[in-house]
Structure formats: structure tokens, C-alpha cells
PDB file of N, CA and C in Angstrom:
ATOM      1  N   UNK A   1      13.233  -1.619 -19.495  1.00  0.00           N
ATOM      2  CA  UNK A   1      12.603  -0.376 -19.115  1.00  0.00           C
ATOM      3  C   UNK A   1      13.652   0.513 -18.437  1.00  0.00           C
ATOM      4  N   UNK A   2      13.826   1.713 -18.921  1.00  0.00           N
ATOM      5  CA  UNK A   2      14.821   2.635 -18.386  1.00  0.00           C
ATOM      6  C   UNK A   2      14.242   3.440 -17.234  1.00  0.00           C
ATOM      7  N   UNK A   3      15.016   3.588 -16.160  1.00  0.00           N
ATOM      8  CA  UNK A   3      14.609   4.388 -15.025  1.00  0.00           C
ATOM      9  C   UNK A   3      14.983   5.843 -15.280  1.00  0.00           C
ATOM     10  N   UNK A   4      14.070   6.753 -15.005  1.00  0.00           N
ATOM     11  CA  UNK A   4      14.350   8.179 -15.136  1.00  0.00           C
ATOM     12  C   UNK A   4      15.397   8.594 -14.108  1.00  0.00           C
ATOM     13  N   UNK A   5      16.099   9.679 -14.395  1.00  0.00           N
ATOM     14  CA  UNK A   5      17.081  10.185 -13.445  1.00  0.00           C
ATOM     15  C   UNK A   5      16.416  10.512 -12.104  1.00  0.00           C
ATOM     16  N   UNK A   6      15.222  11.058 -12.169  1.00  0.00           N
ATOM     17  CA  UNK A   6      14.417  11.290 -10.967  1.00  0.00           C
ATOM     18  C   UNK A   6      12.964  11.372 -11.398  1.00  0.00           C
ATOM     19  N   UNK A   7      12.072  11.335 -10.415  1.00  0.00           N
ATOM     20  CA  UNK A   7      10.641  11.399 -10.700  1.00  0.00           C
ATOM     21  C   UNK A   7       9.977  12.208  -9.604  1.00  0.00           C
ATOM     22  N   UNK A   8       9.160  13.166  -9.981  1.00  0.00           N
ATOM     23  CA  UNK A   8       8.361  13.935  -9.030  1.00  0.00           C
ATOM     24  C   UNK A   8       6.909  13.778  -9.442  1.00  0.00           C
ATOM     25  N   UNK A   9       6.069  13.399  -8.491  1.00  0.00           N
ATOM     26  CA  UNK A   9       4.650  13.249  -8.794  1.00  0.00           C
ATOM     27  C   UNK A   9       3.848  13.804  -7.628  1.00  0.00           C
ATOM     28  N   UNK A  10       2.876  14.649  -7.922  1.00  0.00           N
ATOM     29  CA  UNK A  10       2.020  15.281  -6.919  1.00  0.00           C
ATOM     30  C   UNK A  10       0.738  14.454  -6.792  1.00  0.00           C
ATOM     31  N   UNK A  11       0.411  13.965  -5.587  1.00  0.00           N
ATOM     32  CA  UNK A  11      -0.813  13.172  -5.417  1.00  0.00           C
ATOM     33  C   UNK A  11      -2.069  13.888  -5.913  1.00  0.00           C
ATOM     34  N   UNK A  12      -2.091  15.220  -5.820  1.00  0.00           N
ATOM     35  CA  UNK A  12      -3.256  15.985  -6.266  1.00  0.00           C
ATOM     36  C   UNK A  12      -3.473  15.862  -7.776  1.00  0.00           C
ATOM     37  N   UNK A  13      -2.424  15.450  -8.500  1.00  0.00           N
ATOM     38  CA  UNK A  13      -2.513  15.330  -9.952  1.00  0.00           C
ATOM     39  C   UNK A  13      -2.755  13.886 -10.408  1.00  0.00           C
ATOM     40  N   UNK A  14      -2.884  12.967  -9.451  1.00  0.00           N
ATOM     41  CA  UNK A  14      -3.082  11.550  -9.775  1.00  0.00           C
ATOM     42  C   UNK A  14      -4.513  11.160  -9.417  1.00  0.00           C
ATOM     43  N   UNK A  15      -5.262  10.686 -10.399  1.00  0.00           N
ATOM     44  CA  UNK A  15      -6.656  10.295 -10.167  1.00  0.00           C
ATOM     45  C   UNK A  15      -6.705   8.981  -9.382  1.00  0.00           C
ATOM     46  N   UNK A  16      -7.430   8.965  -8.254  1.00  0.00           N
ATOM     47  CA  UNK A  16      -7.544   7.714  -7.473  1.00  0.00           C
ATOM     48  C   UNK A  16      -8.575   6.765  -8.071  1.00  0.00           C
ATOM     49  N   UNK A  17      -8.461   5.500  -7.698  1.00  0.00           N
ATOM     50  CA  UNK A  17      -9.479   4.519  -8.051  1.00  0.00           C
ATOM     51  C   UNK A  17      -9.590   3.526  -6.905  1.00  0.00           C
ATOM     52  N   UNK A  18     -10.700   2.800  -6.851  1.00  0.00           N
ATOM     53  CA  UNK A  18     -10.957   1.845  -5.778  1.00  0.00           C
ATOM     54  C   UNK A  18     -10.229   0.538  -6.066  1.00  0.00           C
ATOM     55  N   UNK A  19      -9.603  -0.008  -5.026  1.00  0.00           N
ATOM     56  CA  UNK A  19      -8.983  -1.331  -5.101  1.00  0.00           C
ATOM     57  C   UNK A  19      -9.083  -1.979  -3.732  1.00  0.00           C
ATOM     58  N   UNK A  20      -8.423  -3.088  -3.519  1.00  0.00           N
ATOM     59  CA  UNK A  20      -8.586  -3.932  -2.333  1.00  0.00           C
ATOM     60  C   UNK A  20      -8.486  -3.166  -1.011  1.00  0.00           C
ATOM     61  N   UNK A  21      -7.587  -2.211  -0.918  1.00  0.00           N
ATOM     62  CA  UNK A  21      -7.364  -1.497   0.346  1.00  0.00           C
ATOM     63  C   UNK A  21      -8.179  -0.217   0.472  1.00  0.00           C
ATOM     64  N   UNK A  22      -8.677   0.310  -0.626  1.00  0.00           N
ATOM     65  CA  UNK A  22      -9.418   1.565  -0.586  1.00  0.00           C
ATOM     66  C   UNK A  22      -9.162   2.383  -1.831  1.00  0.00           C
ATOM     67  N   UNK A  23      -9.169   3.698  -1.690  1.00  0.00           N
ATOM     68  CA  UNK A  23      -8.895   4.602  -2.812  1.00  0.00           C
ATOM     69  C   UNK A  23      -7.384   4.761  -2.948  1.00  0.00           C
ATOM     70  N   UNK A  24      -6.831   4.365  -4.085  1.00  0.00           N
ATOM     71  CA  UNK A  24      -5.387   4.338  -4.294  1.00  0.00           C
ATOM     72  C   UNK A  24      -4.976   5.370  -5.331  1.00  0.00           C
ATOM     73  N   UNK A  25      -3.839   5.986  -5.072  1.00  0.00           N
ATOM     74  CA  UNK A  25      -3.163   6.839  -6.047  1.00  0.00           C
ATOM     75  C   UNK A  25      -1.764   6.263  -6.225  1.00  0.00           C
ATOM     76  N   UNK A  26      -1.428   5.833  -7.427  1.00  0.00           N
ATOM     77  CA  UNK A  26      -0.086   5.298  -7.687  1.00  0.00           C
ATOM     78  C   UNK A  26       0.855   6.467  -7.950  1.00  0.00           C
ATOM     79  N   UNK A  27       1.766   6.714  -7.020  1.00  0.00           N
ATOM     80  CA  UNK A  27       2.700   7.828  -7.150  1.00  0.00           C
ATOM     81  C   UNK A  27       3.961   7.424  -7.902  1.00  0.00           C
ATOM     82  N   UNK A  28       4.427   6.215  -7.669  1.00  0.00           N
ATOM     83  CA  UNK A  28       5.495   5.621  -8.459  1.00  0.00           C
ATOM     84  C   UNK A  28       4.990   4.243  -8.862  1.00  0.00           C
ATOM     85  N   UNK A  29       4.919   4.012 -10.169  1.00  0.00           N
ATOM     86  CA  UNK A  29       4.335   2.789 -10.696  1.00  0.00           C
ATOM     87  C   UNK A  29       5.396   1.884 -11.306  1.00  0.00           C
ATOM     88  N   UNK A  30       5.018   0.645 -11.523  1.00  0.00           N
ATOM     89  CA  UNK A  30       5.918  -0.315 -12.158  1.00  0.00           C
ATOM     90  C   UNK A  30       6.438   0.227 -13.496  1.00  0.00           C
ATOM     91  N   UNK A  31       5.566   0.862 -14.264  1.00  0.00           N
ATOM     92  CA  UNK A  31       5.969   1.371 -15.577  1.00  0.00           C
ATOM     93  C   UNK A  31       6.999   2.493 -15.505  1.00  0.00           C
ATOM     94  N   UNK A  32       7.199   3.078 -14.319  1.00  0.00           N
ATOM     95  CA  UNK A  32       8.202   4.132 -14.158  1.00  0.00           C
ATOM     96  C   UNK A  32       9.626   3.579 -14.129  1.00  0.00           C
ATOM     97  N   UNK A  33       9.759   2.259 -13.967  1.00  0.00           N
ATOM     98  CA  UNK A  33      11.068   1.625 -14.003  1.00  0.00           C
ATOM     99  C   UNK A  33      11.861   1.731 -12.711  1.00  0.00           C
ATOM    100  N   UNK A  34      11.246   2.175 -11.623  1.00  0.00           N
ATOM    101  CA  UNK A  34      11.932   2.283 -10.333  1.00  0.00           C
ATOM    102  C   UNK A  34      12.018   0.910  -9.671  1.00  0.00           C
ATOM    103  N   UNK A  35      12.838   0.812  -8.630  1.00  0.00           N
ATOM    104  CA  UNK A  35      13.017  -0.466  -7.934  1.00  0.00           C
ATOM    105  C   UNK A  35      11.902  -0.753  -6.933  1.00  0.00           C
ATOM    106  N   UNK A  36      10.987   0.202  -6.745  1.00  0.00           N
ATOM    107  CA  UNK A  36       9.856   0.038  -5.829  1.00  0.00           C
ATOM    108  C   UNK A  36       8.677   0.834  -6.375  1.00  0.00           C
ATOM    109  N   UNK A  37       7.490   0.532  -5.860  1.00  0.00           N
ATOM    110  CA  UNK A  37       6.299   1.328  -6.149  1.00  0.00           C
ATOM    111  C   UNK A  37       5.930   2.074  -4.876  1.00  0.00           C
ATOM    112  N   UNK A  38       5.304   3.234  -5.030  1.00  0.00           N
ATOM    113  CA  UNK A  38       4.795   3.997  -3.886  1.00  0.00           C
ATOM    114  C   UNK A  38       3.351   4.363  -4.178  1.00  0.00           C
ATOM    115  N   UNK A  39       2.473   4.010  -3.243  1.00  0.00           N
ATOM    116  CA  UNK A  39       1.050   4.293  -3.387  1.00  0.00           C
ATOM    117  C   UNK A  39       0.567   5.093  -2.190  1.00  0.00           C
ATOM    118  N   UNK A  40      -0.280   6.078  -2.457  1.00  0.00           N
ATOM    119  CA  UNK A  40      -1.000   6.759  -1.383  1.00  0.00           C
ATOM    120  C   UNK A  40      -2.383   6.139  -1.355  1.00  0.00           C
ATOM    121  N   UNK A  41      -2.818   5.673  -0.185  1.00  0.00           N
ATOM    122  CA  UNK A  41      -4.095   4.970  -0.100  1.00  0.00           C
ATOM    123  C   UNK A  41      -4.938   5.558   1.023  1.00  0.00           C
ATOM    124  N   UNK A  42      -6.198   5.830   0.698  1.00  0.00           N
ATOM    125  CA  UNK A  42      -7.209   6.232   1.684  1.00  0.00           C
ATOM    126  C   UNK A  42      -7.939   4.951   2.071  1.00  0.00           C
ATOM    127  N   UNK A  43      -7.692   4.476   3.287  1.00  0.00           N
ATOM    128  CA  UNK A  43      -8.260   3.201   3.736  1.00  0.00           C
ATOM    129  C   UNK A  43      -9.480   3.465   4.617  1.00  0.00           C
ATOM    130  N   UNK A  44     -10.547   2.769   4.332  1.00  0.00           N
ATOM    131  CA  UNK A  44     -11.725   2.771   5.208  1.00  0.00           C
ATOM    132  C   UNK A  44     -11.904   1.339   5.727  1.00  0.00           C
ATOM    133  N   UNK A  45     -12.227   0.429   4.896  1.00  0.00           N
ATOM    134  CA  UNK A  45     -12.372  -0.985   5.263  1.00  0.00           C
ATOM    135  C   UNK A  45     -11.747  -1.821   4.156  1.00  0.00           C
ATOM    136  N   UNK A  46     -10.528  -2.215   4.330  1.00  0.00           N
ATOM    137  CA  UNK A  46      -9.827  -3.019   3.322  1.00  0.00           C
ATOM    138  C   UNK A  46     -10.294  -4.472   3.404  1.00  0.00           C
ATOM    139  N   UNK A  47     -10.027  -5.209   2.337  1.00  0.00           N
ATOM    140  CA  UNK A  47     -10.321  -6.640   2.301  1.00  0.00           C
ATOM    141  C   UNK A  47      -9.070  -7.415   2.700  1.00  0.00           C
ATOM    142  N   UNK A  48      -9.273  -8.522   3.407  1.00  0.00           N
ATOM    143  CA  UNK A  48      -8.153  -9.382   3.771  1.00  0.00           C
ATOM    144  C   UNK A  48      -7.508  -9.925   2.495  1.00  0.00           C
ATOM    145  N   UNK A  49      -6.179  -9.819   2.417  1.00  0.00           N
ATOM    146  CA  UNK A  49      -5.467 -10.247   1.222  1.00  0.00           C
ATOM    147  C   UNK A  49      -4.009 -10.546   1.563  1.00  0.00           C
ATOM    148  N   UNK A  50      -3.276 -11.042   0.577  1.00  0.00           N
ATOM    149  CA  UNK A  50      -1.833 -11.256   0.726  1.00  0.00           C
ATOM    150  C   UNK A  50      -1.187 -11.090  -0.636  1.00  0.00           C
ATOM    151  N   UNK A  51       0.136 -11.047  -0.637  1.00  0.00           N
ATOM    152  CA  UNK A  51       0.920 -10.944  -1.867  1.00  0.00           C
ATOM    153  C   UNK A  51       1.940 -12.074  -1.877  1.00  0.00           C
ATOM    154  N   UNK A  52       2.070 -12.754  -2.999  1.00  0.00           N
ATOM    155  CA  UNK A  52       3.038 -13.855  -3.111  1.00  0.00           C
ATOM    156  C   UNK A  52       4.464 -13.368  -3.346  1.00  0.00           C
ATOM    157  N   UNK A  53       4.604 -12.256  -4.085  1.00  0.00           N
ATOM    158  CA  UNK A  53       5.938 -11.813  -4.507  1.00  0.00           C
ATOM    159  C   UNK A  53       6.328 -10.435  -3.996  1.00  0.00           C
ATOM    160  N   UNK A  54       5.464  -9.777  -3.251  1.00  0.00           N
ATOM    161  CA  UNK A  54       5.688  -8.377  -2.897  1.00  0.00           C
ATOM    162  C   UNK A  54       5.719  -8.160  -1.394  1.00  0.00           C
ATOM    163  N   UNK A  55       6.745  -7.454  -0.922  1.00  0.00           N
ATOM    164  CA  UNK A  55       6.800  -6.963   0.454  1.00  0.00           C
ATOM    165  C   UNK A  55       6.250  -5.539   0.456  1.00  0.00           C
ATOM    166  N   UNK A  56       5.604  -5.151   1.563  1.00  0.00           N
ATOM    167  CA  UNK A  56       5.063  -3.799   1.665  1.00  0.00           C
ATOM    168  C   UNK A  56       5.516  -3.143   2.966  1.00  0.00           C
ATOM    169  N   UNK A  57       5.719  -1.833   2.899  1.00  0.00           N
ATOM    170  CA  UNK A  57       5.977  -1.021   4.083  1.00  0.00           C
ATOM    171  C   UNK A  57       4.909   0.063   4.111  1.00  0.00           C
ATOM    172  N   UNK A  58       4.105   0.057   5.170  1.00  0.00           N
ATOM    173  CA  UNK A  58       3.054   1.055   5.351  1.00  0.00           C
ATOM    174  C   UNK A  58       3.582   2.153   6.264  1.00  0.00           C
ATOM    175  N   UNK A  59       3.333   3.407   5.888  1.00  0.00           N
ATOM    176  CA  UNK A  59       3.613   4.560   6.751  1.00  0.00           C
ATOM    177  C   UNK A  59       2.297   5.298   6.917  1.00  0.00           C
ATOM    178  N   UNK A  60       1.839   5.431   8.172  1.00  0.00           N
ATOM    179  CA  UNK A  60       0.561   6.088   8.436  1.00  0.00           C
ATOM    180  C   UNK A  60       0.775   7.602   8.434  1.00  0.00           C
ATOM    181  N   UNK A  61       0.143   8.270   7.478  1.00  0.00           N
ATOM    182  CA  UNK A  61       0.236   9.717   7.343  1.00  0.00           C
ATOM    183  C   UNK A  61      -0.798  10.399   8.237  1.00  0.00           C
ATOM    184  N   UNK A  62      -2.025   9.866   8.239  1.00  0.00           N
ATOM    185  CA  UNK A  62      -3.114  10.477   9.000  1.00  0.00           C
ATOM    186  C   UNK A  62      -4.136   9.420   9.379  1.00  0.00           C
ATOM    187  N   UNK A  63      -4.869   9.712  10.454  1.00  0.00           N
ATOM    188  CA  UNK A  63      -5.966   8.853  10.871  1.00  0.00           C
ATOM    189  C   UNK A  63      -5.575   7.831  11.920  1.00  0.00           C
ATOM    190  N   UNK A  64      -6.583   7.060  12.312  1.00  0.00           N
ATOM    191  CA  UNK A  64      -6.405   6.032  13.333  1.00  0.00           C
ATOM    192  C   UNK A  64      -7.121   4.772  12.881  1.00  0.00           C
ATOM    193  N   UNK A  65      -6.612   3.637  13.321  1.00  0.00           N
ATOM    194  CA  UNK A  65      -7.251   2.382  12.984  1.00  0.00           C
ATOM    195  C   UNK A  65      -6.443   1.211  13.481  1.00  0.00           C
ATOM    196  N   UNK A  66      -6.715   0.053  12.891  1.00  0.00           N
ATOM    197  CA  UNK A  66      -6.011  -1.169  13.262  1.00  0.00           C
ATOM    198  C   UNK A  66      -5.616  -1.908  11.991  1.00  0.00           C
ATOM    199  N   UNK A  67      -4.697  -2.858  12.161  1.00  0.00           N
ATOM    200  CA  UNK A  67      -4.311  -3.723  11.051  1.00  0.00           C
ATOM    201  C   UNK A  67      -4.271  -5.144  11.557  1.00  0.00           C
ATOM    202  N   UNK A  68      -4.848  -6.044  10.760  1.00  0.00           N
ATOM    203  CA  UNK A  68      -4.785  -7.477  11.025  1.00  0.00           C
ATOM    204  C   UNK A  68      -3.616  -8.041  10.231  1.00  0.00           C
ATOM    205  N   UNK A  69      -2.743  -8.786  10.897  1.00  0.00           N
ATOM    206  CA  UNK A  69      -1.574  -9.402  10.261  1.00  0.00           C
ATOM    207  C   UNK A  69      -1.528 -10.860  10.706  1.00  0.00           C
ATOM    208  N   UNK A  70      -1.903 -11.769   9.808  1.00  0.00           N
ATOM    209  CA  UNK A  70      -1.965 -13.197  10.142  1.00  0.00           C
ATOM    210  C   UNK A  70      -2.699 -13.441  11.461  1.00  0.00           C
ATOM    211  N   UNK A  71      -3.819 -12.741  11.646  1.00  0.00           N
ATOM    212  CA  UNK A  71      -4.656 -12.952  12.814  1.00  0.00           C
ATOM    213  C   UNK A  71      -4.313 -12.099  14.026  1.00  0.00           C
ATOM    214  N   UNK A  72      -3.187 -11.405  14.021  1.00  0.00           N
ATOM    215  CA  UNK A  72      -2.833 -10.491  15.116  1.00  0.00           C
ATOM    216  C   UNK A  72      -3.295  -9.089  14.763  1.00  0.00           C
ATOM    217  N   UNK A  73      -3.743  -8.343  15.773  1.00  0.00           N
ATOM    218  CA  UNK A  73      -4.198  -6.976  15.543  1.00  0.00           C
ATOM    219  C   UNK A  73      -3.226  -5.985  16.159  1.00  0.00           C
ATOM    220  N   UNK A  74      -2.861  -4.952  15.376  1.00  0.00           N
ATOM    221  CA  UNK A  74      -2.011  -3.878  15.896  1.00  0.00           C
ATOM    222  C   UNK A  74      -2.725  -2.548  15.684  1.00  0.00           C
ATOM    223  N   UNK A  75      -2.381  -1.560  16.505  1.00  0.00           N
ATOM    224  CA  UNK A  75      -2.969  -0.227  16.386  1.00  0.00           C
ATOM    225  C   UNK A  75      -2.166   0.614  15.408  1.00  0.00           C
ATOM    226  N   UNK A  76      -2.884   1.478  14.686  1.00  0.00           N
ATOM    227  CA  UNK A  76      -2.255   2.389  13.741  1.00  0.00           C
ATOM    228  C   UNK A  76      -2.621   3.828  14.081  1.00  0.00           C
ATOM    229  N   UNK A  77      -1.654   4.717  13.998  1.00  0.00           N
ATOM    230  CA  UNK A  77      -1.860   6.156  14.153  1.00  0.00           C
ATOM    231  C   UNK A  77      -0.729   6.865  13.416  1.00  0.00           C
ATOM    232  N   UNK A  78      -0.824   8.179  13.217  1.00  0.00           N
ATOM    233  CA  UNK A  78       0.181   8.880  12.424  1.00  0.00           C
ATOM    234  C   UNK A  78       1.608   8.620  12.913  1.00  0.00           C
ATOM    235  N   UNK A  79       2.491   8.349  11.955  1.00  0.00           N
ATOM    236  CA  UNK A  79       3.895   8.100  12.253  1.00  0.00           C
ATOM    237  C   UNK A  79       4.265   6.635  12.376  1.00  0.00           C
ATOM    238  N   UNK A  80       3.280   5.758  12.522  1.00  0.00           N
ATOM    239  CA  UNK A  80       3.566   4.325  12.666  1.00  0.00           C
ATOM    240  C   UNK A  80       3.988   3.757  11.309  1.00  0.00           C
ATOM    241  N   UNK A  81       5.002   2.892  11.347  1.00  0.00           N
ATOM    242  CA  UNK A  81       5.482   2.181  10.162  1.00  0.00           C
ATOM    243  C   UNK A  81       5.279   0.688  10.398  1.00  0.00           C
ATOM    244  N   UNK A  82       4.759  -0.015   9.390  1.00  0.00           N
ATOM    245  CA  UNK A  82       4.528  -1.456   9.496  1.00  0.00           C
ATOM    246  C   UNK A  82       5.141  -2.143   8.278  1.00  0.00           C
ATOM    247  N   UNK A  83       5.993  -3.129   8.530  1.00  0.00           N
ATOM    248  CA  UNK A  83       6.558  -3.948   7.455  1.00  0.00           C
ATOM    249  C   UNK A  83       5.697  -5.202   7.313  1.00  0.00           C
ATOM    250  N   UNK A  84       5.203  -5.458   6.100  1.00  0.00           N
ATOM    251  CA  UNK A  84       4.361  -6.622   5.819  1.00  0.00           C
ATOM    252  C   UNK A  84       5.085  -7.483   4.782  1.00  0.00           C
ATOM    253  N   UNK A  85       5.743  -8.566   5.222  1.00  0.00           N
ATOM    254  CA  UNK A  85       6.436  -9.432   4.266  1.00  0.00           C
ATOM    255  C   UNK A  85       5.456 -10.169   3.361  1.00  0.00           C
ATOM    256  N   UNK A  86       5.938 -10.559   2.199  1.00  0.00           N
ATOM    257  CA  UNK A  86       5.117 -11.349   1.269  1.00  0.00           C
ATOM    258  C   UNK A  86       4.581 -12.582   1.995  1.00  0.00           C
ATOM    259  N   UNK A  87       3.348 -12.950   1.666  1.00  0.00           N
ATOM    260  CA  UNK A  87       2.720 -14.127   2.263  1.00  0.00           C
ATOM    261  C   UNK A  87       1.904 -13.855   3.510  1.00  0.00           C
ATOM    262  N   UNK A  88       2.092 -12.693   4.152  1.00  0.00           N
ATOM    263  CA  UNK A  88       1.341 -12.369   5.375  1.00  0.00           C
ATOM    264  C   UNK A  88      -0.050 -11.875   4.982  1.00  0.00           C
ATOM    265  N   UNK A  89      -1.075 -12.539   5.533  1.00  0.00           N
ATOM    266  CA  UNK A  89      -2.465 -12.111   5.305  1.00  0.00           C
ATOM    267  C   UNK A  89      -2.692 -10.832   6.097  1.00  0.00           C
ATOM    268  N   UNK A  90      -3.235  -9.795   5.446  1.00  0.00           N
ATOM    269  CA  UNK A  90      -3.368  -8.513   6.133  1.00  0.00           C
ATOM    270  C   UNK A  90      -4.533  -7.686   5.597  1.00  0.00           C
ATOM    271  N   UNK A  91      -4.989  -6.776   6.449  1.00  0.00           N
ATOM    272  CA  UNK A  91      -5.965  -5.755   6.067  1.00  0.00           C
ATOM    273  C   UNK A  91      -5.951  -4.680   7.142  1.00  0.00           C
ATOM    274  N   UNK A  92      -6.228  -3.468   6.734  1.00  0.00           N
ATOM    275  CA  UNK A  92      -6.315  -2.344   7.670  1.00  0.00           C
ATOM    276  C   UNK A  92      -7.767  -1.911   7.773  1.00  0.00           C
ATOM    277  N   UNK A  93      -8.118  -1.415   8.950  1.00  0.00           N
ATOM    278  CA  UNK A  93      -9.475  -0.938   9.196  1.00  0.00           C
ATOM    279  C   UNK A  93      -9.383   0.392   9.908  1.00  0.00           C
ATOM    280  N   UNK A  94     -10.331   1.255   9.635  1.00  0.00           N
ATOM    281  CA  UNK A  94     -10.362   2.565  10.262  1.00  0.00           C
ATOM    282  C   UNK A  94     -10.479   3.635   9.196  1.00  0.00           C
ATOM    283  N   UNK A  95     -10.082   4.829   9.569  1.00  0.00           N
ATOM    284  CA  UNK A  95     -10.099   5.973   8.665  1.00  0.00           C
ATOM    285  C   UNK A  95      -8.653   6.438   8.558  1.00  0.00           C
ATOM    286  N   UNK A  96      -7.925   5.954   7.541  1.00  0.00           N
ATOM    287  CA  UNK A  96      -6.480   6.122   7.463  1.00  0.00           C
ATOM    288  C   UNK A  96      -6.038   6.639   6.105  1.00  0.00           C
ATOM    289  N   UNK A  97      -4.976   7.419   6.112  1.00  0.00           N
ATOM    290  CA  UNK A  97      -4.235   7.747   4.900  1.00  0.00           C
ATOM    291  C   UNK A  97      -2.840   7.191   5.103  1.00  0.00           C
ATOM    292  N   UNK A  98      -2.406   6.354   4.178  1.00  0.00           N
ATOM    293  CA  UNK A  98      -1.093   5.715   4.301  1.00  0.00           C
ATOM    294  C   UNK A  98      -0.314   5.855   2.999  1.00  0.00           C
ATOM    295  N   UNK A  99       1.005   5.811   3.126  1.00  0.00           N
ATOM    296  CA  UNK A  99       1.885   5.619   1.992  1.00  0.00           C
ATOM    297  C   UNK A  99       2.352   4.178   2.069  1.00  0.00           C
ATOM    298  N   UNK A 100       2.301   3.471   0.957  1.00  0.00           N
ATOM    299  CA  UNK A 100       2.750   2.088   0.928  1.00  0.00           C
ATOM    300  C   UNK A 100       3.880   1.978  -0.093  1.00  0.00           C
ATOM    301  N   UNK A 101       5.027   1.493   0.380  1.00  0.00           N
ATOM    302  CA  UNK A 101       6.163   1.226  -0.495  1.00  0.00           C
ATOM    303  C   UNK A 101       6.165  -0.272  -0.772  1.00  0.00           C
ATOM    304  N   UNK A 102       6.157  -0.638  -2.049  1.00  0.00           N
ATOM    305  CA  UNK A 102       6.045  -2.036  -2.465  1.00  0.00           C
ATOM    306  C   UNK A 102       7.315  -2.461  -3.197  1.00  0.00           C
ATOM    307  N   UNK A 103       7.913  -3.561  -2.744  1.00  0.00           N
ATOM    308  CA  UNK A 103       9.153  -4.072  -3.344  1.00  0.00           C
ATOM    309  C   UNK A 103       8.999  -5.568  -3.590  1.00  0.00           C
ATOM    310  N   UNK A 104       9.281  -6.068  -4.753  1.00  0.00           N
ATOM    311  CA  UNK A 104       9.614  -5.344  -5.979  1.00  0.00           C
ATOM    312  C   UNK A 104       8.345  -4.751  -6.590  1.00  0.00           C
ATOM    313  N   UNK A 105       8.489  -3.951  -7.658  1.00  0.00           N
ATOM    314  CA  UNK A 105       7.315  -3.406  -8.337  1.00  0.00           C
ATOM    315  C   UNK A 105       6.431  -4.532  -8.884  1.00  0.00           C
ATOM    316  N   UNK A 106       5.169  -4.210  -9.113  1.00  0.00           N
ATOM    317  CA  UNK A 106       4.230  -5.176  -9.687  1.00  0.00           C
ATOM    318  C   UNK A 106       3.164  -5.642  -8.725  1.00  0.00           C
ATOM    319  N   UNK A 107       2.998  -4.954  -7.609  1.00  0.00           N
ATOM    320  CA  UNK A 107       2.059  -5.399  -6.585  1.00  0.00           C
ATOM    321  C   UNK A 107       0.609  -5.462  -7.093  1.00  0.00           C
ATOM    322  N   UNK A 108       0.238  -4.596  -8.011  1.00  0.00           N
ATOM    323  CA  UNK A 108      -1.156  -4.592  -8.470  1.00  0.00           C
ATOM    324  C   UNK A 108      -1.515  -5.874  -9.224  1.00  0.00           C
ATOM    325  N   UNK A 109      -0.523  -6.616  -9.662  1.00  0.00           N
ATOM    326  CA  UNK A 109      -0.754  -7.928 -10.278  1.00  0.00           C
ATOM    327  C   UNK A 109      -0.468  -9.061  -9.305  1.00  0.00           C
ATOM    328  N   UNK A 110      -0.330  -8.736  -8.029  1.00  0.00           N
ATOM    329  CA  UNK A 110       0.028  -9.713  -7.007  1.00  0.00           C
ATOM    330  C   UNK A 110      -0.870  -9.590  -5.776  1.00  0.00           C
ATOM    331  N   UNK A 111      -2.141  -9.268  -5.995  1.00  0.00           N
ATOM    332  CA  UNK A 111      -3.101  -9.130  -4.898  1.00  0.00           C
ATOM    333  C   UNK A 111      -3.994 -10.361  -4.900  1.00  0.00           C
ATOM    334  N   UNK A 112      -4.023 -11.078  -3.771  1.00  0.00           N
ATOM    335  CA  UNK A 112      -4.829 -12.292  -3.645  1.00  0.00           C
ATOM    336  C   UNK A 112      -5.833 -12.084  -2.510  1.00  0.00           C
ATOM    337  N   UNK A 113      -7.058 -11.725  -2.880  1.00  0.00           N
ATOM    338  CA  UNK A 113      -8.100 -11.438  -1.893  1.00  0.00           C
ATOM    339  C   UNK A 113      -8.596 -12.718  -1.239  1.00  0.00           C
ATOM    340  N   UNK A 114      -8.871 -12.617   0.067  1.00  0.00           N
ATOM    341  CA  UNK A 114      -9.357 -13.766   0.845  1.00  0.00           C
ATOM    342  C   UNK A 114     -10.771 -13.542   1.350  1.00  0.00           C
ATOM    343  N   UNK A 115     -11.352 -12.380   1.113  1.00  0.00           N
ATOM    344  CA  UNK A 115     -12.742 -12.116   1.507  1.00  0.00           C
ATOM    345  C   UNK A 115     -13.398 -11.175   0.533  1.00  0.00           C
TER     346      UNK A 115
END
């Protein structure tokens, strides 16, 4: 799969759908051939889950809430960045808009729900 020289994608032009964390818009997808995926997610009440092969970096764009990480709870608000290594059980709660960077690509085939 060849990577484009660059890629520009407007979230307003990407149709969201419901998945484990909430309403997701894939801004950079595995099929784009990039070294990472980027998703914009509207989180309300996510399901507890983990990834076997994917690390994630969450950047909180808007809203407030909490995140459970292997049983520990942290607070989330705009500007907070959270690194979630593969294997860590996690879920976010609240009313949040986040950008999630997933490395390597393929996270949508690597979601293991626990609830």
C-alpha cells in the first residue's frame, strides 16, 4: 500500500458511526497507508476494552470526564494527553471530544470489549 505525499481530511466531511468508545470519525485510516491512524471520537459512555497490538494516544479537544486505566481513574479536560499502551484495559466516561492517534494502524480490528 503506497502512502500519499500528504493527506488532508475535514471531520465535517467524514460520516461518524457508533463503536466501542462512541461516535467515531476516521480521519486517517489504515487504508490510507500512513504509519498511524487518527480518529475523532465523541465519547459519552465507552465500553471497557483493550487492544493487543495497538498503542493509543488520546488528546482531549473538548469536554470533561474521567478515564479508567487498569482500574485507576484519571481526570480528563481540554488539553490533557493520555498514552494508553497495548494491553491496558481502558474506557472514558463523560461528555468528551478526543483525537486518538493509534500506532500501528489497524486498531478497528484490534478492539477486545470486556463489558
